[in-house]
Amino acid sequence: MFPHLAVWQWLLGAFCALAVGIAKTGVPGLGILVVPLMVLTVGDARFSAGWLLPMLCTADIFAVILWRRHAAASKLFSLAPWVAAGMILGAAALALPESILRTIVGAIVLLMMFAYLYRRRRGDERIPAHPAPFGVAAGFATTVANAAGPVMNLYLLGKRLTKEEFVATGAWFFFLINLTKLPIYAGHGLFSRTSLLFDAAMVPMIVVGAAAGRWLVNQMSPRIFEVLVIVLTFISTLLLFV
């Protein structure tokens, strides 16, 4: 029942767990880079999402605990119904080929990124008029590909939060969303005893990553933090097309 993986697969999985921990507590945008690496680890693009989700949920717990005093929860209330709509669409779309789903998500995020950079160049600091496109895109992306990170990064950047509020608010969002996805994934048969044993073995690396992420965010200036988020969001979005 224990996963029979090659040494390189265990090492790659451990790196993914470490990166997930860092992403959740300090370097948003890094987590999406794990998605293609988990495909290599598992060897199956569809089932890799089921192997990854429990790792994300574990890291979410640590992120919520570490940043519990900084969350700007009010920024998420208006997103809730739109995220739910996006998750319904995503659940219905899970039967489509993954390459098509990732292309759709990547195209949406790129459009949002260009719009954000255009506003920044103009010096327009206004909050986006309506959360609907961000909420639907985030719900859809997280359901079909565990890839809502780029969407939420752009949404939270537009809210002009402090770096601590940014990480804390994102932590609460993904904690609630990933818990909601568990029954959806279970219904599609994406979990197995083997995958859950693998996830349990990765917990120590997630803990180390969570501690490292908290340390890293405390060392960065707000400007460097914003630039890092934008760069990682762009890179991770391009990976969705691979």
Protein backbone atom coordinates (compact mmCIF):
# COMPACT_ATOMS: atom_id res chain seq x y z
CA MET A 1 0.00 0.00 0.00
CA PHE A 2 2.95 2.35 0.56
CA PRO A 3 3.87 4.23 -2.63
CA HIS A 4 6.48 2.38 -4.69
CA LEU A 5 8.29 5.36 -6.14
CA ALA A 6 11.83 5.80 -7.41
CA VAL A 7 14.26 7.75 -5.24
CA TRP A 8 14.10 10.75 -7.58
CA GLN A 9 10.29 10.78 -7.28
CA TRP A 10 10.50 10.83 -3.47
CA LEU A 11 13.04 13.65 -3.61
CA LEU A 12 10.92 15.64 -6.04
CA GLY A 13 7.86 15.06 -3.88
CA ALA A 14 9.76 16.27 -0.82
CA PHE A 15 10.80 19.41 -2.68
CA CYS A 16 7.17 20.00 -3.65
CA ALA A 17 6.10 19.67 -0.01
CA LEU A 18 8.80 22.14 1.06
CA ALA A 19 7.76 24.60 -1.66
CA VAL A 20 4.09 24.31 -0.69
CA GLY A 21 4.93 25.19 2.90
CA ILE A 22 7.01 28.20 1.83
CA ALA A 23 4.33 29.40 -0.59
CA LYS A 24 1.54 29.25 1.95
CA THR A 25 3.29 31.24 4.68
CA GLY A 26 5.58 33.63 2.87
CA VAL A 27 6.05 33.53 -0.91
CA PRO A 28 2.69 33.51 -2.72
CA GLY A 29 3.07 32.40 -6.32
CA LEU A 30 5.60 29.70 -5.56
CA GLY A 31 2.90 27.11 -4.93
CA ILE A 32 1.67 26.97 -8.52
CA LEU A 33 5.17 25.96 -9.60
CA VAL A 34 4.55 22.75 -7.69
CA VAL A 35 1.69 21.69 -9.97
CA PRO A 36 3.80 20.54 -12.95
CA LEU A 37 6.41 19.02 -10.60
CA MET A 38 3.73 16.90 -8.94
CA VAL A 39 2.70 15.64 -12.37
CA LEU A 40 6.27 14.40 -12.84
CA THR A 41 6.27 12.85 -9.36
CA VAL A 42 3.01 10.96 -9.79
CA GLY A 43 3.27 10.31 -13.52
CA ASP A 44 -0.41 11.11 -14.12
CA ALA A 45 -1.59 14.66 -14.68
CA ARG A 46 -5.15 14.05 -13.51
CA PHE A 47 -4.39 12.10 -10.33
CA SER A 48 -1.53 14.40 -9.32
CA ALA A 49 -4.18 16.92 -8.23
CA GLY A 50 -5.50 14.36 -5.74
CA TRP A 51 -1.99 13.73 -4.38
CA LEU A 52 -1.35 17.47 -4.03
CA LEU A 53 -4.58 18.65 -2.40
CA PRO A 54 -4.00 17.10 1.08
CA MET A 55 -0.52 18.66 1.10
CA LEU A 56 -2.08 22.03 0.35
CA CYS A 57 -4.67 21.59 3.11
CA THR A 58 -1.94 20.72 5.62
CA ALA A 59 0.08 23.80 4.68
CA ASP A 60 -3.10 25.93 4.84
CA ILE A 61 -3.54 24.95 8.50
CA PHE A 62 -0.04 26.13 9.39
CA ALA A 63 -0.47 29.35 7.38
CA VAL A 64 -3.74 30.21 9.12
CA ILE A 65 -2.21 29.59 12.54
CA LEU A 66 0.97 31.58 11.85
CA TRP A 67 -0.81 34.59 10.32
CA ARG A 68 -4.15 34.47 12.17
CA ARG A 69 -3.82 38.04 13.52
CA HIS A 70 -3.30 39.72 10.16
CA ALA A 71 -6.14 38.45 7.95
CA ALA A 72 -8.36 41.03 6.26
CA ALA A 73 -11.33 38.68 6.05
CA SER A 74 -13.69 41.41 4.88
CA LYS A 75 -11.86 41.44 1.55
CA LEU A 76 -13.11 37.91 0.89
CA PHE A 77 -16.83 38.22 1.65
CA SER A 78 -17.73 39.72 -1.71
CA LEU A 79 -15.81 36.95 -3.49
CA ALA A 80 -17.65 34.04 -1.84
CA PRO A 81 -20.70 33.64 -4.13
CA TRP A 82 -18.60 34.11 -7.26
CA VAL A 83 -16.03 31.56 -6.12
CA ALA A 84 -18.84 29.08 -5.46
CA ALA A 85 -20.12 29.64 -9.01
CA GLY A 86 -16.64 29.09 -10.41
CA MET A 87 -16.22 25.87 -8.42
CA ILE A 88 -19.51 24.54 -9.80
CA LEU A 89 -18.30 25.27 -13.31
CA GLY A 90 -14.97 23.67 -12.53
CA ALA A 91 -16.56 20.51 -11.11
CA ALA A 92 -18.62 20.17 -14.28
CA ALA A 93 -15.53 20.71 -16.43
CA LEU A 94 -13.30 18.12 -14.71
CA ALA A 95 -14.20 15.56 -17.36
CA LEU A 96 -12.50 17.68 -20.05
CA PRO A 97 -8.85 17.01 -21.03
CA GLU A 98 -6.50 18.66 -18.56
CA SER A 99 -4.52 20.40 -21.32
CA ILE A 100 -7.64 22.28 -22.37
CA LEU A 101 -8.49 23.25 -18.80
CA ARG A 102 -5.01 24.56 -18.08
CA THR A 103 -4.97 26.58 -21.30
CA ILE A 104 -8.26 28.21 -20.33
CA VAL A 105 -6.98 29.04 -16.84
CA GLY A 106 -3.68 30.36 -18.16
CA ALA A 107 -5.36 32.63 -20.72
CA ILE A 108 -7.68 34.08 -18.06
CA VAL A 109 -4.82 34.82 -15.68
CA LEU A 110 -2.68 36.44 -18.36
CA LEU A 111 -5.53 38.80 -19.27
CA MET A 112 -5.96 39.72 -15.60
CA MET A 113 -2.23 40.27 -15.18
CA PHE A 114 -1.98 42.60 -18.16
CA ALA A 115 -4.97 44.56 -16.84
CA TYR A 116 -3.32 44.85 -13.40
CA LEU A 117 0.03 46.00 -14.83
CA TYR A 118 -1.76 48.52 -17.05
CA ARG A 119 -3.52 50.02 -14.03
CA ARG A 120 -0.25 50.12 -12.09
CA ARG A 121 1.54 51.89 -14.93
CA ARG A 122 -1.19 54.52 -15.02
CA GLY A 123 -0.94 54.94 -11.27
CA ASP A 124 -4.55 53.82 -10.88
CA GLU A 125 -4.84 52.44 -7.33
CA ARG A 126 -8.58 51.96 -7.40
CA ILE A 127 -9.98 48.66 -6.20
CA PRO A 128 -11.45 46.63 -9.09
CA ALA A 129 -15.11 47.58 -9.58
CA HIS A 130 -16.50 44.08 -9.20
CA PRO A 131 -15.14 40.84 -7.71
CA ALA A 132 -17.11 38.61 -10.12
CA PRO A 133 -14.34 37.89 -12.67
CA PHE A 134 -11.77 37.19 -9.96
CA GLY A 135 -14.14 35.03 -7.93
CA VAL A 136 -15.36 32.91 -10.85
CA ALA A 137 -11.84 32.55 -12.26
CA ALA A 138 -10.42 31.57 -8.85
CA GLY A 139 -13.16 29.02 -8.18
CA PHE A 140 -12.80 27.48 -11.62
CA ALA A 141 -8.99 27.43 -11.56
CA THR A 142 -8.69 25.92 -8.10
CA THR A 143 -11.17 23.15 -8.91
CA VAL A 144 -9.75 22.03 -12.23
CA ALA A 145 -6.04 22.51 -11.61
CA ASN A 146 -5.21 23.67 -8.05
CA ALA A 147 -4.23 26.86 -9.86
CA ALA A 148 -6.14 29.72 -8.24
CA GLY A 149 -2.94 31.19 -6.82
CA PRO A 150 -2.22 33.56 -9.75
CA VAL A 151 -5.81 34.82 -9.78
CA MET A 152 -5.90 35.51 -6.05
CA ASN A 153 -2.46 37.12 -6.13
CA LEU A 154 -3.72 39.68 -8.63
CA TYR A 155 -6.94 40.25 -6.70
CA LEU A 156 -5.15 40.81 -3.39
CA LEU A 157 -2.47 43.01 -4.99
CA GLY A 158 -5.28 45.21 -6.24
CA LYS A 159 -6.52 45.60 -2.67
CA ARG A 160 -3.23 47.28 -1.66
CA LEU A 161 -2.79 45.15 1.47
CA THR A 162 0.34 45.02 3.58
CA LYS A 163 2.49 41.97 2.91
CA GLU A 164 1.33 40.43 6.21
CA GLU A 165 -2.34 41.01 5.35
CA PHE A 166 -1.72 39.68 1.84
CA VAL A 167 -0.33 36.35 3.08
CA ALA A 168 -2.86 36.00 5.91
CA THR A 169 -5.91 36.77 3.77
CA GLY A 170 -4.75 34.39 1.06
CA ALA A 171 -4.16 31.71 3.69
CA TRP A 172 -7.74 31.90 4.93
CA PHE A 173 -9.12 31.91 1.38
CA PHE A 174 -7.28 28.78 0.33
CA PHE A 175 -7.89 27.03 3.65
CA LEU A 176 -11.66 27.30 3.14
CA ILE A 177 -11.57 26.62 -0.60
CA ASN A 178 -9.33 23.56 -0.37
CA LEU A 179 -11.54 22.04 2.32
CA THR A 180 -14.51 22.55 0.01
CA LYS A 181 -12.69 20.76 -2.81
CA LEU A 182 -12.10 17.58 -0.80
CA PRO A 183 -15.55 16.03 -1.47
CA ILE A 184 -15.37 17.09 -5.12
CA TYR A 185 -12.07 15.28 -5.61
CA ALA A 186 -13.27 12.30 -3.62
CA GLY A 187 -16.33 12.08 -5.85
CA HIS A 188 -14.06 11.92 -8.90
CA GLY A 189 -11.94 9.16 -7.32
CA LEU A 190 -8.76 11.24 -7.14
CA PHE A 191 -7.77 10.01 -3.66
CA SER A 192 -6.38 6.59 -2.76
CA ARG A 193 -4.77 4.97 0.24
CA THR A 194 -1.45 5.19 -1.57
CA SER A 195 -1.76 8.92 -2.23
CA LEU A 196 -2.78 9.63 1.36
CA LEU A 197 0.18 7.66 2.73
CA PHE A 198 2.47 9.69 0.49
CA ASP A 199 0.91 12.92 1.74
CA ALA A 200 1.38 11.83 5.36
CA ALA A 201 5.07 11.18 4.68
CA MET A 202 5.43 14.73 3.31
CA VAL A 203 4.14 16.49 6.45
CA PRO A 204 7.62 17.11 7.99
CA MET A 205 8.79 18.89 4.84
CA ILE A 206 5.63 21.01 4.80
CA VAL A 207 6.33 22.07 8.40
CA VAL A 208 9.90 23.06 7.52
CA GLY A 209 8.66 25.00 4.51
CA ALA A 210 6.01 26.82 6.55
CA ALA A 211 8.61 27.99 9.05
CA ALA A 212 10.95 29.08 6.24
CA GLY A 213 8.18 30.99 4.49
CA ARG A 214 7.30 32.92 7.65
CA TRP A 215 10.97 33.88 8.07
CA LEU A 216 11.34 34.94 4.43
CA VAL A 217 8.36 37.28 4.37
CA ASN A 218 9.65 39.04 7.47
CA GLN A 219 12.94 39.77 5.66
CA MET A 220 11.41 41.32 2.53
CA SER A 221 10.46 44.94 1.98
CA PRO A 222 6.90 45.58 0.70
CA ARG A 223 8.26 46.61 -2.72
CA ILE A 224 10.34 43.48 -3.14
CA PHE A 225 7.38 41.41 -1.97
CA GLU A 226 5.10 42.90 -4.63
CA VAL A 227 7.64 42.45 -7.41
CA LEU A 228 8.29 38.85 -6.34
CA VAL A 229 4.57 38.07 -6.35
CA ILE A 230 4.15 39.53 -9.85
CA VAL A 231 7.15 37.69 -11.28
CA LEU A 232 6.19 34.34 -9.75
CA THR A 233 2.60 34.78 -10.88
CA PHE A 234 3.74 35.40 -14.45
CA ILE A 235 6.12 32.41 -14.48
CA SER A 236 3.56 30.09 -12.93
CA THR A 237 0.93 31.20 -15.42
CA LEU A 238 3.21 30.36 -18.34
CA LEU A 239 3.71 26.89 -16.83
CA LEU A 240 -0.03 26.29 -17.13
CA PHE A 241 0.44 26.18 -20.91
CA VAL A 242 3.07 23.41 -20.67
